[in-house]
C-alpha atoms as a PDB file:
ATOM      1  CA  MET A   1     137.857 285.002 274.728  1.00  0.00           C
ATOM      2  CA  ASP A   2     135.070 285.402 277.275  1.00  0.00           C
ATOM      3  CA  HIS A   3     132.351 288.014 277.725  1.00  0.00           C
ATOM      4  CA  VAL A   4     130.117 289.800 280.214  1.00  0.00           C
ATOM      5  CA  ILE A   5     126.715 291.371 279.682  1.00  0.00           C
ATOM      6  CA  SER A   6     126.421 295.068 280.453  1.00  0.00           C
ATOM      7  CA  ARG A   7     123.379 296.635 282.089  1.00  0.00           C
ATOM      8  CA  ASP A   8     121.689 297.426 278.751  1.00  0.00           C
ATOM      9  CA  GLY A   9     122.294 293.929 277.355  1.00  0.00           C
ATOM     10  CA  THR A  10     125.440 294.730 275.375  1.00  0.00           C
ATOM     11  CA  LYS A  11     127.889 291.837 275.119  1.00  0.00           C
ATOM     12  CA  ILE A  12     131.395 292.939 276.118  1.00  0.00           C
ATOM     13  CA  ALA A  13     134.179 290.621 274.934  1.00  0.00           C
ATOM     14  CA  LEU A  14     137.194 290.194 277.183  1.00  0.00           C
ATOM     15  CA  THR A  15     140.222 288.095 277.964  1.00  0.00           C
ATOM     16  CA  ARG A  16     141.332 287.163 281.458  1.00  0.00           C
ATOM     17  CA  GLU A  17     144.790 285.908 282.420  1.00  0.00           C
ATOM     18  CA  GLY A  18     147.104 285.620 285.397  1.00  0.00           C
ATOM     19  CA  ALA A  19     146.440 285.461 289.136  1.00  0.00           C
ATOM     20  CA  GLY A  20     146.448 288.002 291.932  1.00  0.00           C
ATOM     21  CA  PRO A  21     144.710 291.345 292.466  1.00  0.00           C
ATOM     22  CA  GLY A  22     142.407 292.384 289.637  1.00  0.00           C
ATOM     23  CA  VAL A  23     143.535 294.853 286.982  1.00  0.00           C
ATOM     24  CA  VAL A  24     141.333 296.067 284.119  1.00  0.00           C
ATOM     25  CA  LEU A  25     142.846 297.589 280.961  1.00  0.00           C
ATOM     26  CA  VAL A  26     140.900 300.180 278.957  1.00  0.00           C
ATOM     27  CA  GLY A  27     141.942 300.835 275.358  1.00  0.00           C
ATOM     28  CA  GLY A  28     141.996 304.092 273.442  1.00  0.00           C
ATOM     29  CA  GLY A  29     141.009 305.329 270.004  1.00  0.00           C
ATOM     30  CA  LEU A  30     140.641 302.947 267.041  1.00  0.00           C
ATOM     31  CA  ASP A  31     141.541 300.007 269.279  1.00  0.00           C
ATOM     32  CA  ASP A  32     139.618 296.800 269.974  1.00  0.00           C
ATOM     33  CA  GLY A  33     141.759 295.704 272.911  1.00  0.00           C
ATOM     34  CA  ALA A  34     144.643 294.446 270.785  1.00  0.00           C
ATOM     35  CA  GLU A  35     146.919 297.342 271.724  1.00  0.00           C
ATOM     36  CA  ASN A  36     146.811 296.412 275.421  1.00  0.00           C
ATOM     37  CA  ALA A  37     147.308 292.674 274.834  1.00  0.00           C
ATOM     38  CA  PRO A  38     151.135 292.764 275.239  1.00  0.00           C
ATOM     39  CA  LEU A  39     150.741 294.814 278.423  1.00  0.00           C
ATOM     40  CA  ALA A  40     148.200 292.300 279.747  1.00  0.00           C
ATOM     41  CA  ALA A  41     150.660 289.452 279.211  1.00  0.00           C
ATOM     42  CA  VAL A  42     153.338 291.196 281.273  1.00  0.00           C
ATOM     43  CA  LEU A  43     151.032 292.277 284.098  1.00  0.00           C
ATOM     44  CA  ALA A  44     149.534 288.764 284.267  1.00  0.00           C
ATOM     45  CA  GLN A  45     152.745 287.633 285.943  1.00  0.00           C
ATOM     46  CA  ARG A  46     151.545 289.435 289.096  1.00  0.00           C
ATOM     47  CA  PHE A  47     147.847 290.234 288.605  1.00  0.00           C
ATOM     48  CA  THR A  48     144.562 288.878 287.301  1.00  0.00           C
ATOM     49  CA  VAL A  49     144.340 291.018 284.173  1.00  0.00           C
ATOM     50  CA  VAL A  50     141.119 291.637 282.275  1.00  0.00           C
ATOM     51  CA  ASN A  51     141.520 293.267 278.858  1.00  0.00           C
ATOM     52  CA  TYR A  52     138.345 294.039 276.943  1.00  0.00           C
ATOM     53  CA  ALA A  53     136.996 295.373 273.680  1.00  0.00           C
ATOM     54  CA  ARG A  54     134.897 298.446 274.343  1.00  0.00           C
ATOM     55  CA  ARG A  55     131.353 298.388 272.970  1.00  0.00           C
ATOM     56  CA  GLY A  56     131.088 298.383 269.197  1.00  0.00           C
ATOM     57  CA  ARG A  57     134.672 297.184 268.803  1.00  0.00           C
ATOM     58  CA  GLY A  58     136.029 293.761 267.910  1.00  0.00           C
ATOM     59  CA  ALA A  59     133.841 290.975 269.286  1.00  0.00           C
ATOM     60  CA  SER A  60     131.830 293.309 271.537  1.00  0.00           C
ATOM     61  CA  SER A  61     128.318 294.216 270.462  1.00  0.00           C
ATOM     62  CA  ASP A  62     126.645 297.619 270.720  1.00  0.00           C
ATOM     63  CA  THR A  63     123.253 298.915 271.752  1.00  0.00           C
ATOM     64  CA  PRO A  64     122.256 302.378 270.524  1.00  0.00           C
ATOM     65  CA  PRO A  65     121.841 305.143 271.391  1.00  0.00           C
ATOM     66  CA  TYR A  66     125.342 305.737 272.685  1.00  0.00           C
ATOM     67  CA  ALA A  67     125.995 307.496 275.993  1.00  0.00           C
ATOM     68  CA  VAL A  68     129.161 307.739 278.055  1.00  0.00           C
ATOM     69  CA  GLU A  69     127.140 306.389 280.976  1.00  0.00           C
ATOM     70  CA  ARG A  70     126.677 303.119 279.053  1.00  0.00           C
ATOM     71  CA  GLU A  71     130.452 302.753 278.724  1.00  0.00           C
ATOM     72  CA  VAL A  72     130.795 303.321 282.463  1.00  0.00           C
ATOM     73  CA  GLU A  73     128.255 300.517 282.969  1.00  0.00           C
ATOM     74  CA  ASP A  74     130.304 298.321 280.621  1.00  0.00           C
ATOM     75  CA  LEU A  75     133.385 298.949 282.719  1.00  0.00           C
ATOM     76  CA  ALA A  76     131.430 298.122 285.874  1.00  0.00           C
ATOM     77  CA  ALA A  77     130.511 294.741 284.364  1.00  0.00           C
ATOM     78  CA  VAL A  78     134.131 294.099 283.393  1.00  0.00           C
ATOM     79  CA  ILE A  79     135.315 294.986 286.900  1.00  0.00           C
ATOM     80  CA  GLY A  80     132.883 292.346 288.127  1.00  0.00           C
ATOM     81  CA  ALA A  81     134.694 289.818 285.943  1.00  0.00           C
ATOM     82  CA  ALA A  82     137.963 290.903 287.592  1.00  0.00           C
ATOM     83  CA  GLY A  83     136.667 290.019 291.049  1.00  0.00           C
ATOM     84  CA  GLY A  84     134.238 292.791 291.979  1.00  0.00           C
ATOM     85  CA  ALA A  85     136.862 295.486 292.571  1.00  0.00           C
ATOM     86  CA  ALA A  86     139.985 296.233 290.580  1.00  0.00           C
ATOM     87  CA  HIS A  87     142.773 298.589 289.714  1.00  0.00           C
ATOM     88  CA  VAL A  88     141.988 300.222 286.366  1.00  0.00           C
ATOM     89  CA  PHE A  89     144.381 301.533 283.720  1.00  0.00           C
ATOM     90  CA  GLY A  90     143.386 303.580 280.674  1.00  0.00           C
ATOM     91  CA  THR A  91     145.578 304.623 277.787  1.00  0.00           C
ATOM     92  CA  SER A  92     144.989 307.690 275.597  1.00  0.00           C
ATOM     93  CA  SER A  93     141.257 308.396 275.228  1.00  0.00           C
ATOM     94  CA  GLY A  94     140.559 305.283 277.295  1.00  0.00           C
ATOM     95  CA  GLY A  95     142.060 307.244 280.167  1.00  0.00           C
ATOM     96  CA  ALA A  96     139.224 309.757 279.884  1.00  0.00           C
ATOM     97  CA  LEU A  97     136.748 306.906 280.351  1.00  0.00           C
ATOM     98  CA  VAL A  98     138.696 305.699 283.413  1.00  0.00           C
ATOM     99  CA  LEU A  99     138.556 309.171 284.951  1.00  0.00           C
ATOM    100  CA  GLU A 100     134.801 309.361 284.350  1.00  0.00           C
ATOM    101  CA  ALA A 101     134.279 305.883 285.826  1.00  0.00           C
ATOM    102  CA  ALA A 102     136.305 306.738 288.927  1.00  0.00           C
ATOM    103  CA  ALA A 103     134.316 309.947 289.417  1.00  0.00           C
ATOM    104  CA  SER A 104     131.096 307.930 289.009  1.00  0.00           C
ATOM    105  CA  GLY A 105     131.896 305.783 292.036  1.00  0.00           C
ATOM    106  CA  LEU A 106     132.679 302.416 290.465  1.00  0.00           C
ATOM    107  CA  PRO A 107     134.439 299.866 292.734  1.00  0.00           C
ATOM    108  CA  ILE A 108     137.885 300.904 291.574  1.00  0.00           C
ATOM    109  CA  THR A 109     140.813 300.367 293.930  1.00  0.00           C
ATOM    110  CA  SER A 110     143.181 302.744 292.168  1.00  0.00           C
ATOM    111  CA  ILE A 111     143.550 304.264 288.719  1.00  0.00           C
ATOM    112  CA  ALA A 112     146.378 304.971 286.307  1.00  0.00           C
ATOM    113  CA  VAL A 113     146.213 306.774 282.979  1.00  0.00           C
ATOM    114  CA  TYR A 114     148.729 307.289 280.199  1.00  0.00           C
ATOM    115  CA  GLU A 115     148.758 310.337 277.898  1.00  0.00           C
ATOM    116  CA  VAL A 116     145.082 311.281 277.993  1.00  0.00           C
ATOM    117  CA  PRO A 117     144.697 313.585 274.955  1.00  0.00           C
ATOM    118  CA  PHE A 118     143.171 316.601 276.645  1.00  0.00           C
ATOM    119  CA  ASP A 119     144.333 320.079 275.621  1.00  0.00           C
ATOM    120  CA  MET A 120     144.361 322.958 278.089  1.00  0.00           C
ATOM    121  CA  GLY A 121     144.587 325.683 275.415  1.00  0.00           C
ATOM    122  CA  GLU A 122     141.960 328.432 275.641  1.00  0.00           C
ATOM    123  CA  ASP A 123     140.979 327.884 272.008  1.00  0.00           C
ATOM    124  CA  TRP A 124     140.733 324.099 272.267  1.00  0.00           C
ATOM    125  CA  PRO A 125     137.080 323.690 273.355  1.00  0.00           C
ATOM    126  CA  ARG A 126     135.985 325.544 270.199  1.00  0.00           C
ATOM    127  CA  LEU A 127     138.285 323.557 267.900  1.00  0.00           C
ATOM    128  CA  TRP A 128     137.381 320.297 269.602  1.00  0.00           C
ATOM    129  CA  ARG A 129     133.644 321.010 269.360  1.00  0.00           C
ATOM    130  CA  ALA A 130     133.962 321.546 265.597  1.00  0.00           C
ATOM    131  CA  TYR A 131     135.757 318.194 265.227  1.00  0.00           C
ATOM    132  CA  VAL A 132     133.204 316.373 267.387  1.00  0.00           C
ATOM    133  CA  GLU A 133     130.313 317.714 265.333  1.00  0.00           C
ATOM    134  CA  ARG A 134     131.949 316.664 262.059  1.00  0.00           C
ATOM    135  CA  VAL A 135     133.086 313.204 263.143  1.00  0.00           C
ATOM    136  CA  THR A 136     129.740 312.455 264.812  1.00  0.00           C
ATOM    137  CA  LEU A 137     127.900 313.382 261.611  1.00  0.00           C
ATOM    138  CA  ALA A 138     130.259 311.284 259.482  1.00  0.00           C
ATOM    139  CA  VAL A 139     129.641 308.262 261.732  1.00  0.00           C
ATOM    140  CA  ALA A 140     125.879 308.839 261.729  1.00  0.00           C
ATOM    141  CA  GLU A 141     125.905 308.901 257.916  1.00  0.00           C
ATOM    142  CA  ASN A 142     128.158 305.811 257.787  1.00  0.00           C
ATOM    143  CA  ARG A 143     130.947 307.766 256.068  1.00  0.00           C
ATOM    144  CA  ARG A 144     133.600 305.736 257.802  1.00  0.00           C
ATOM    145  CA  ALA A 145     136.526 306.761 255.637  1.00  0.00           C
ATOM    146  CA  ASP A 146     135.648 310.412 256.222  1.00  0.00           C
ATOM    147  CA  ALA A 147     135.519 309.819 259.989  1.00  0.00           C
ATOM    148  CA  VAL A 148     138.950 308.196 260.039  1.00  0.00           C
ATOM    149  CA  GLU A 149     140.411 310.953 257.890  1.00  0.00           C
ATOM    150  CA  LEU A 150     138.931 313.634 260.170  1.00  0.00           C
ATOM    151  CA  PHE A 151     140.624 311.959 263.114  1.00  0.00           C
ATOM    152  CA  MET A 152     143.945 311.730 261.293  1.00  0.00           C
ATOM    153  CA  ARG A 153     143.807 315.358 260.213  1.00  0.00           C
ATOM    154  CA  LEU A 154     143.027 316.411 263.787  1.00  0.00           C
ATOM    155  CA  ALA A 155     146.245 314.603 264.699  1.00  0.00           C
ATOM    156  CA  GLU A 156     148.028 316.548 261.912  1.00  0.00           C
ATOM    157  CA  THR A 157     148.888 313.385 260.004  1.00  0.00           C
ATOM    158  CA  PRO A 158     150.687 314.318 256.747  1.00  0.00           C
ATOM    159  CA  ASP A 159     148.750 313.821 253.504  1.00  0.00           C
ATOM    160  CA  GLU A 160     151.224 311.243 252.209  1.00  0.00           C
ATOM    161  CA  GLU A 161     150.738 309.114 255.337  1.00  0.00           C
ATOM    162  CA  ILE A 162     146.957 309.222 254.927  1.00  0.00           C
ATOM    163  CA  VAL A 163     147.289 308.152 251.289  1.00  0.00           C
ATOM    164  CA  GLY A 164     149.645 305.353 252.279  1.00  0.00           C
ATOM    165  CA  LEU A 165     147.343 304.147 255.039  1.00  0.00           C
ATOM    166  CA  ARG A 166     144.371 304.044 252.666  1.00  0.00           C
ATOM    167  CA  ALA A 167     146.363 301.663 250.474  1.00  0.00           C
ATOM    168  CA  SER A 168     147.569 299.520 253.354  1.00  0.00           C
ATOM    169  CA  PRO A 169     146.161 296.238 254.726  1.00  0.00           C
ATOM    170  CA  TRP A 170     145.221 298.065 257.960  1.00  0.00           C
ATOM    171  CA  TRP A 171     142.724 300.425 256.335  1.00  0.00           C
ATOM    172  CA  GLU A 172     139.800 297.983 256.509  1.00  0.00           C
ATOM    173  CA  ASN A 173     140.437 297.451 260.214  1.00  0.00           C
ATOM    174  CA  LEU A 174     140.327 301.202 260.780  1.00  0.00           C
ATOM    175  CA  LEU A 175     137.046 301.452 258.870  1.00  0.00           C
ATOM    176  CA  ALA A 176     135.560 298.722 261.062  1.00  0.00           C
ATOM    177  CA  LEU A 177     136.479 300.747 264.153  1.00  0.00           C
ATOM    178  CA  ALA A 178     135.508 304.148 262.732  1.00  0.00           C
ATOM    179  CA  PRO A 179     132.171 304.396 264.624  1.00  0.00           C
ATOM    180  CA  SER A 180     134.128 304.297 267.877  1.00  0.00           C
ATOM    181  CA  LEU A 181     135.634 307.694 267.040  1.00  0.00           C
ATOM    182  CA  ALA A 182     132.349 309.372 267.943  1.00  0.00           C
ATOM    183  CA  GLN A 183     132.288 307.405 271.202  1.00  0.00           C
ATOM    184  CA  ASP A 184     135.812 308.458 272.112  1.00  0.00           C
ATOM    185  CA  ALA A 185     134.954 312.051 271.304  1.00  0.00           C
ATOM    186  CA  ALA A 186     132.037 311.839 273.737  1.00  0.00           C
ATOM    187  CA  CYS A 187     134.270 310.376 276.458  1.00  0.00           C
ATOM    188  CA  LEU A 188     136.644 313.337 276.084  1.00  0.00           C
ATOM    189  CA  GLY A 189     133.736 315.764 276.617  1.00  0.00           C
ATOM    190  CA  THR A 190     134.793 319.342 275.938  1.00  0.00           C
ATOM    191  CA  GLY A 191     138.350 318.199 275.280  1.00  0.00           C
ATOM    192  CA  GLN A 192     139.385 319.300 278.758  1.00  0.00           C
ATOM    193  CA  PRO A 193     139.157 317.466 282.118  1.00  0.00           C
ATOM    194  CA  ARG A 194     136.034 317.490 284.255  1.00  0.00           C
ATOM    195  CA  ARG A 195     134.831 316.021 287.579  1.00  0.00           C
ATOM    196  CA  LEU A 196     138.401 315.591 288.811  1.00  0.00           C
ATOM    197  CA  GLY A 197     137.421 316.703 292.300  1.00  0.00           C
ATOM    198  CA  GLU A 198     135.087 313.694 292.551  1.00  0.00           C
ATOM    199  CA  ILE A 199     137.917 311.185 292.120  1.00  0.00           C
ATOM    200  CA  THR A 200     138.992 309.773 295.479  1.00  0.00           C
ATOM    201  CA  GLN A 201     141.059 306.748 294.415  1.00  0.00           C
ATOM    202  CA  PRO A 202     144.866 306.809 294.392  1.00  0.00           C
ATOM    203  CA  ALA A 203     145.811 308.013 290.909  1.00  0.00           C
ATOM    204  CA  LEU A 204     148.937 307.808 288.771  1.00  0.00           C
ATOM    205  CA  VAL A 205     149.163 310.113 285.750  1.00  0.00           C
ATOM    206  CA  LEU A 206     151.809 309.015 283.258  1.00  0.00           C
ATOM    207  CA  THR A 207     153.326 310.428 280.097  1.00  0.00           C
ATOM    208  CA  GLY A 208     156.316 309.484 277.991  1.00  0.00           C
ATOM    209  CA  ASP A 209     159.030 311.954 277.113  1.00  0.00           C
ATOM    210  CA  ALA A 210     159.859 311.003 273.512  1.00  0.00           C
ATOM    211  CA  ARG A 211     158.916 314.463 272.271  1.00  0.00           C
ATOM    212  CA  ASP A 212     159.868 316.058 268.966  1.00  0.00           C
ATOM    213  CA  PRO A 213     159.834 319.878 269.175  1.00  0.00           C
ATOM    214  CA  ALA A 214     158.048 319.837 265.807  1.00  0.00           C
ATOM    215  CA  ALA A 215     155.426 317.327 267.010  1.00  0.00           C
ATOM    216  CA  PRO A 216     151.727 317.908 266.319  1.00  0.00           C
ATOM    217  CA  ARG A 217     149.782 320.044 268.753  1.00  0.00           C
ATOM    218  CA  TRP A 218     148.096 317.078 270.444  1.00  0.00           C
ATOM    219  CA  ILE A 219     151.490 315.641 271.385  1.00  0.00           C
ATOM    220  CA  ARG A 220     152.738 318.960 272.758  1.00  0.00           C
ATOM    221  CA  ALA A 221     149.516 319.288 274.778  1.00  0.00           C
ATOM    222  CA  LEU A 222     149.947 315.966 276.630  1.00  0.00           C
ATOM    223  CA  ASP A 223     152.264 317.192 279.387  1.00  0.00           C
ATOM    224  CA  PRO A 224     150.215 320.303 280.324  1.00  0.00           C
ATOM    225  CA  ALA A 225     147.102 318.124 280.321  1.00  0.00           C
ATOM    226  CA  ALA A 226     148.763 315.581 282.618  1.00  0.00           C
ATOM    227  CA  ASP A 227     149.840 318.387 284.954  1.00  0.00           C
ATOM    228  CA  ALA A 228     146.225 319.600 285.061  1.00  0.00           C
ATOM    229  CA  LEU A 229     145.018 316.119 285.985  1.00  0.00           C
ATOM    230  CA  VAL A 230     147.488 315.914 288.869  1.00  0.00           C
ATOM    231  CA  ALA A 231     146.476 319.373 290.067  1.00  0.00           C
ATOM    232  CA  GLY A 232     142.789 318.434 289.998  1.00  0.00           C
ATOM    233  CA  ILE A 233     142.871 314.936 291.577  1.00  0.00           C
ATOM    234  CA  ALA A 234     143.594 314.919 295.294  1.00  0.00           C
ATOM    235  CA  GLY A 235     146.808 313.049 296.040  1.00  0.00           C
ATOM    236  CA  ALA A 236     147.513 312.137 292.412  1.00  0.00           C
ATOM    237  CA  ARG A 237     151.090 311.286 291.467  1.00  0.00           C
ATOM    238  CA  ARG A 238     152.839 312.301 288.250  1.00  0.00           C
ATOM    239  CA  GLY A 239     155.149 309.931 286.421  1.00  0.00           C
ATOM    240  CA  THR A 240     157.256 310.049 283.262  1.00  0.00           C
ATOM    241  CA  LEU A 241     158.384 306.996 281.284  1.00  0.00           C
ATOM    242  CA  ALA A 242     161.821 307.843 279.945  1.00  0.00           C
ATOM    243  CA  GLY A 243     162.218 307.488 276.200  1.00  0.00           C
ATOM    244  CA  GLN A 244     158.651 306.297 275.629  1.00  0.00           C
ATOM    245  CA  PRO A 245     156.265 307.449 272.863  1.00  0.00           C
ATOM    246  CA  HIS A 246     152.445 307.462 272.822  1.00  0.00           C
ATOM    247  CA  THR A 247     152.466 303.654 272.521  1.00  0.00           C
ATOM    248  CA  PRO A 248     155.015 302.701 275.185  1.00  0.00           C
ATOM    249  CA  ASP A 249     157.034 299.534 275.649  1.00  0.00           C
ATOM    250  CA  PRO A 250     154.777 297.146 277.623  1.00  0.00           C
ATOM    251  CA  ASP A 251     157.574 296.106 279.986  1.00  0.00           C
ATOM    252  CA  VAL A 252     158.356 299.710 280.891  1.00  0.00           C
ATOM    253  CA  LEU A 253     154.686 300.585 281.357  1.00  0.00           C
ATOM    254  CA  ALA A 254     153.948 297.413 283.326  1.00  0.00           C
ATOM    255  CA  ALA A 255     156.736 298.175 285.812  1.00  0.00           C
ATOM    256  CA  ALA A 256     155.277 301.608 286.563  1.00  0.00           C
ATOM    257  CA  LEU A 257     151.748 300.237 286.877  1.00  0.00           C
ATOM    258  CA  ALA A 258     152.772 297.335 289.112  1.00  0.00           C
ATOM    259  CA  GLU A 259     154.558 299.699 291.490  1.00  0.00           C
ATOM    260  CA  HIS A 260     151.464 301.919 291.698  1.00  0.00           C
ATOM    261  CA  PHE A 261     148.985 299.064 292.079  1.00  0.00           C
ATOM    262  CA  THR A 262     150.958 297.473 294.927  1.00  0.00           C
ATOM    263  CA  SER A 263     151.928 300.630 296.828  1.00  0.00           C
END
């Protein structure tokens, strides 16, 4: 484990492995970098891969007040650790941060995102705003369990699964990461894409196709959202990982990313 210091003094923990062109991995909701670790190991066969814990997660520190711009500065510092310029991949809500960073002019060679949880429905900005207000207040009042439950209910998690998770060994880890839910909500903005016209890097927009017709709304919204990203980013390419869910097989994902990063 290594670290870099962001512009505001925040310590950002990271791991670095492999050799070759730089690739930075950006994690999503309730993740401290662990979810991308298997992907990093595969990509490290061809690239110098930097995987990091976003501010306030895992071994990374935090410096209030939060702003999305601070997370962009964090990513800039991490890109420096990858060699000064890098390909950047973001999964889920981490993809929203990657899009914002690319639009902000960071030294990013190319970007790839997987299943960014935007929703193009006309009613979504109102529903999303209500969630953001509630989860932000819960975090501010240190009601971590309430914040996690709000997130799970937004994802239409069944009551019995929430009860089971509360009794599981993973619950304490989720509570530790609960403050990051407000940060992810901020990165997703209105819940719909923005600034896409300012992205000039080659972009790959990926989704899986393991879809249940009875899946929650956020799952059913992933494909229309990905189509909107491709329509809004000049020259963006659309890709589908056959048979893959929201957390895809790292070998399958790595193959798609490697092709994009070397094309």
